[in-house]
Amino acid sequence: MKEYNYDYSEYSDIMDIHKNGEITSGSVELGDFTLDFGKNNEVVGLEIEHASEFFNNVDINKESLTEIQDVQLITDKRNPQCQLLFLNLKFPIVVKKIPIPMTITS
């Protein structure tokens, strides 16, 4: 079983990612990004509006978004006051680690 559910809608150009079995207890919207937090204030979900624009900036075209095989949200917690968020996308041939342009403060 995959750790995250994900969906990309070509029609609305929104990518939605959510950790399996986690309930959202709160959300924060920052521009085209919505972060969902679980009961322990950890990131359990991410929604990206205008996803093709965002991913085009990191050399992933709109057609490739329909070929994603797996996704994972990674929180870099080395600095507890300012955590970084990354998105791992698994494609048929390559895995890309993409930084999400925001920090999570505790």
C-alpha atoms as a PDB file:
ATOM      1  CA  MET A   1       0.000   0.000   0.000  1.00  0.00           C
ATOM      2  CA  LYS A   2       1.279   3.437  -0.892  1.00  0.00           C
ATOM      3  CA  GLU A   3       1.976   5.925   1.907  1.00  0.00           C
ATOM      4  CA  TYR A   4       0.307   8.846   0.073  1.00  0.00           C
ATOM      5  CA  ASN A   5      -2.773   9.219  -2.104  1.00  0.00           C
ATOM      6  CA  TYR A   6      -2.408  11.703  -4.929  1.00  0.00           C
ATOM      7  CA  ASP A   7      -4.414  13.065  -7.788  1.00  0.00           C
ATOM      8  CA  TYR A   8      -3.673  15.465 -10.609  1.00  0.00           C
ATOM      9  CA  SER A   9      -6.618  17.037 -12.423  1.00  0.00           C
ATOM     10  CA  GLU A  10      -5.707  18.294 -15.882  1.00  0.00           C
ATOM     11  CA  TYR A  11      -9.048  20.124 -16.053  1.00  0.00           C
ATOM     12  CA  SER A  12      -8.576  22.195 -12.879  1.00  0.00           C
ATOM     13  CA  ASP A  13      -4.738  21.993 -12.942  1.00  0.00           C
ATOM     14  CA  ILE A  14      -4.631  21.028  -9.260  1.00  0.00           C
ATOM     15  CA  MET A  15      -2.445  18.385  -7.633  1.00  0.00           C
ATOM     16  CA  ASP A  16      -3.661  16.975  -4.332  1.00  0.00           C
ATOM     17  CA  ILE A  17      -1.487  14.806  -2.072  1.00  0.00           C
ATOM     18  CA  HIS A  18      -2.549  13.354   1.275  1.00  0.00           C
ATOM     19  CA  LYS A  19      -1.018  10.846   3.683  1.00  0.00           C
ATOM     20  CA  ASN A  20      -3.068   7.651   3.999  1.00  0.00           C
ATOM     21  CA  GLY A  21      -4.980   7.255   7.249  1.00  0.00           C
ATOM     22  CA  GLU A  22      -4.310  10.804   8.470  1.00  0.00           C
ATOM     23  CA  ILE A  23      -7.091  13.207   9.343  1.00  0.00           C
ATOM     24  CA  THR A  24      -6.585  16.906   8.674  1.00  0.00           C
ATOM     25  CA  SER A  25      -6.953  19.008  11.818  1.00  0.00           C
ATOM     26  CA  GLY A  26      -6.109  22.326  10.167  1.00  0.00           C
ATOM     27  CA  SER A  27      -4.925  23.942   6.945  1.00  0.00           C
ATOM     28  CA  VAL A  28      -2.915  26.953   5.848  1.00  0.00           C
ATOM     29  CA  GLU A  29      -3.122  28.590   2.412  1.00  0.00           C
ATOM     30  CA  LEU A  30       0.001  30.261   1.041  1.00  0.00           C
ATOM     31  CA  GLY A  31      -0.487  31.483  -2.515  1.00  0.00           C
ATOM     32  CA  ASP A  32      -1.107  28.469  -4.741  1.00  0.00           C
ATOM     33  CA  PHE A  33      -0.272  26.019  -1.934  1.00  0.00           C
ATOM     34  CA  THR A  34      -2.485  24.632   0.805  1.00  0.00           C
ATOM     35  CA  LEU A  35      -0.798  22.659   3.582  1.00  0.00           C
ATOM     36  CA  ASP A  36      -2.856  20.260   5.695  1.00  0.00           C
ATOM     37  CA  PHE A  37      -1.711  19.469   9.225  1.00  0.00           C
ATOM     38  CA  GLY A  38      -2.482  16.415  11.356  1.00  0.00           C
ATOM     39  CA  LYS A  39      -3.055  16.118  15.076  1.00  0.00           C
ATOM     40  CA  ASN A  40       0.659  16.496  15.930  1.00  0.00           C
ATOM     41  CA  ASN A  41       1.064  19.570  13.686  1.00  0.00           C
ATOM     42  CA  GLU A  42       2.901  17.527  11.078  1.00  0.00           C
ATOM     43  CA  VAL A  43       2.242  18.045   7.380  1.00  0.00           C
ATOM     44  CA  VAL A  44      -0.172  15.354   6.149  1.00  0.00           C
ATOM     45  CA  GLY A  45      -1.307  16.923   2.895  1.00  0.00           C
ATOM     46  CA  LEU A  46      -0.494  19.390   0.151  1.00  0.00           C
ATOM     47  CA  GLU A  47      -2.609  20.914  -2.603  1.00  0.00           C
ATOM     48  CA  ILE A  48      -0.987  22.818  -5.455  1.00  0.00           C
ATOM     49  CA  GLU A  49      -3.156  25.060  -7.622  1.00  0.00           C
ATOM     50  CA  HIS A  50      -1.815  25.937 -11.101  1.00  0.00           C
ATOM     51  CA  ALA A  51       0.310  22.813 -10.720  1.00  0.00           C
ATOM     52  CA  SER A  52       1.526  22.743 -14.327  1.00  0.00           C
ATOM     53  CA  GLU A  53       2.981  26.256 -13.925  1.00  0.00           C
ATOM     54  CA  PHE A  54       4.785  25.319 -10.718  1.00  0.00           C
ATOM     55  CA  PHE A  55       6.180  22.066 -12.102  1.00  0.00           C
ATOM     56  CA  ASN A  56       7.130  23.669 -15.424  1.00  0.00           C
ATOM     57  CA  ASN A  57       9.545  25.852 -13.408  1.00  0.00           C
ATOM     58  CA  VAL A  58      11.349  22.673 -12.299  1.00  0.00           C
ATOM     59  CA  ASP A  59      11.411  21.111 -15.806  1.00  0.00           C
ATOM     60  CA  ILE A  60       8.360  18.857 -15.449  1.00  0.00           C
ATOM     61  CA  ASN A  61       5.805  19.400 -18.200  1.00  0.00           C
ATOM     62  CA  LYS A  62       2.036  19.059 -17.845  1.00  0.00           C
ATOM     63  CA  GLU A  63       1.921  15.745 -19.728  1.00  0.00           C
ATOM     64  CA  SER A  64       4.434  14.218 -17.298  1.00  0.00           C
ATOM     65  CA  LEU A  65       2.139  14.987 -14.348  1.00  0.00           C
ATOM     66  CA  THR A  66      -0.230  12.289 -15.592  1.00  0.00           C
ATOM     67  CA  GLU A  67       2.641   9.732 -15.590  1.00  0.00           C
ATOM     68  CA  ILE A  68       3.507   9.999 -11.878  1.00  0.00           C
ATOM     69  CA  GLN A  69       3.669   6.563 -10.250  1.00  0.00           C
ATOM     70  CA  ASP A  70       4.164   7.555  -6.608  1.00  0.00           C
ATOM     71  CA  VAL A  71       4.567  10.652  -4.431  1.00  0.00           C
ATOM     72  CA  GLN A  72       5.956  11.379  -0.994  1.00  0.00           C
ATOM     73  CA  LEU A  73       6.064  14.491   1.171  1.00  0.00           C
ATOM     74  CA  ILE A  74       9.334  14.854   3.061  1.00  0.00           C
ATOM     75  CA  THR A  75       9.804  17.269   5.943  1.00  0.00           C
ATOM     76  CA  ASP A  76      13.415  18.153   6.758  1.00  0.00           C
ATOM     77  CA  LYS A  77      13.332  18.559  10.548  1.00  0.00           C
ATOM     78  CA  ARG A  78      17.030  19.196  11.185  1.00  0.00           C
ATOM     79  CA  ASN A  79      16.178  22.748  12.288  1.00  0.00           C
ATOM     80  CA  PRO A  80      13.099  22.505  14.575  1.00  0.00           C
ATOM     81  CA  GLN A  81      12.372  26.258  14.289  1.00  0.00           C
ATOM     82  CA  CYS A  82      12.306  26.262  10.474  1.00  0.00           C
ATOM     83  CA  GLN A  83      11.493  22.999   8.689  1.00  0.00           C
ATOM     84  CA  LEU A  84      11.752  22.521   4.921  1.00  0.00           C
ATOM     85  CA  LEU A  85       9.262  20.639   2.788  1.00  0.00           C
ATOM     86  CA  PHE A  86      10.130  18.530  -0.266  1.00  0.00           C
ATOM     87  CA  LEU A  87       8.037  16.571  -2.717  1.00  0.00           C
ATOM     88  CA  ASN A  88       9.377  13.322  -4.177  1.00  0.00           C
ATOM     89  CA  LEU A  89       7.784  12.399  -7.495  1.00  0.00           C
ATOM     90  CA  LYS A  90       8.407   8.950  -8.965  1.00  0.00           C
ATOM     91  CA  PHE A  91       8.119   8.773 -12.740  1.00  0.00           C
ATOM     92  CA  PRO A  92       8.581   5.614 -14.865  1.00  0.00           C
ATOM     93  CA  ILE A  93      12.284   6.375 -15.394  1.00  0.00           C
ATOM     94  CA  VAL A  94      13.363   8.867 -12.708  1.00  0.00           C
ATOM     95  CA  VAL A  95      12.585  10.181  -9.206  1.00  0.00           C
ATOM     96  CA  LYS A  96      12.648  13.956  -8.732  1.00  0.00           C
ATOM     97  CA  LYS A  97      12.980  15.681  -5.356  1.00  0.00           C
ATOM     98  CA  ILE A  98      11.401  19.129  -5.549  1.00  0.00           C
ATOM     99  CA  PRO A  99      11.635  21.783  -2.830  1.00  0.00           C
ATOM    100  CA  ILE A 100       8.323  23.413  -1.938  1.00  0.00           C
ATOM    101  CA  PRO A 101       8.960  27.175  -1.753  1.00  0.00           C
ATOM    102  CA  MET A 102       7.989  27.727   1.889  1.00  0.00           C
ATOM    103  CA  THR A 103       9.261  26.898   5.342  1.00  0.00           C
ATOM    104  CA  ILE A 104       7.264  25.499   8.221  1.00  0.00           C
ATOM    105  CA  THR A 105       7.906  27.243  11.507  1.00  0.00           C
ATOM    106  CA  SER A 106       7.220  25.659  14.858  1.00  0.00           C
END
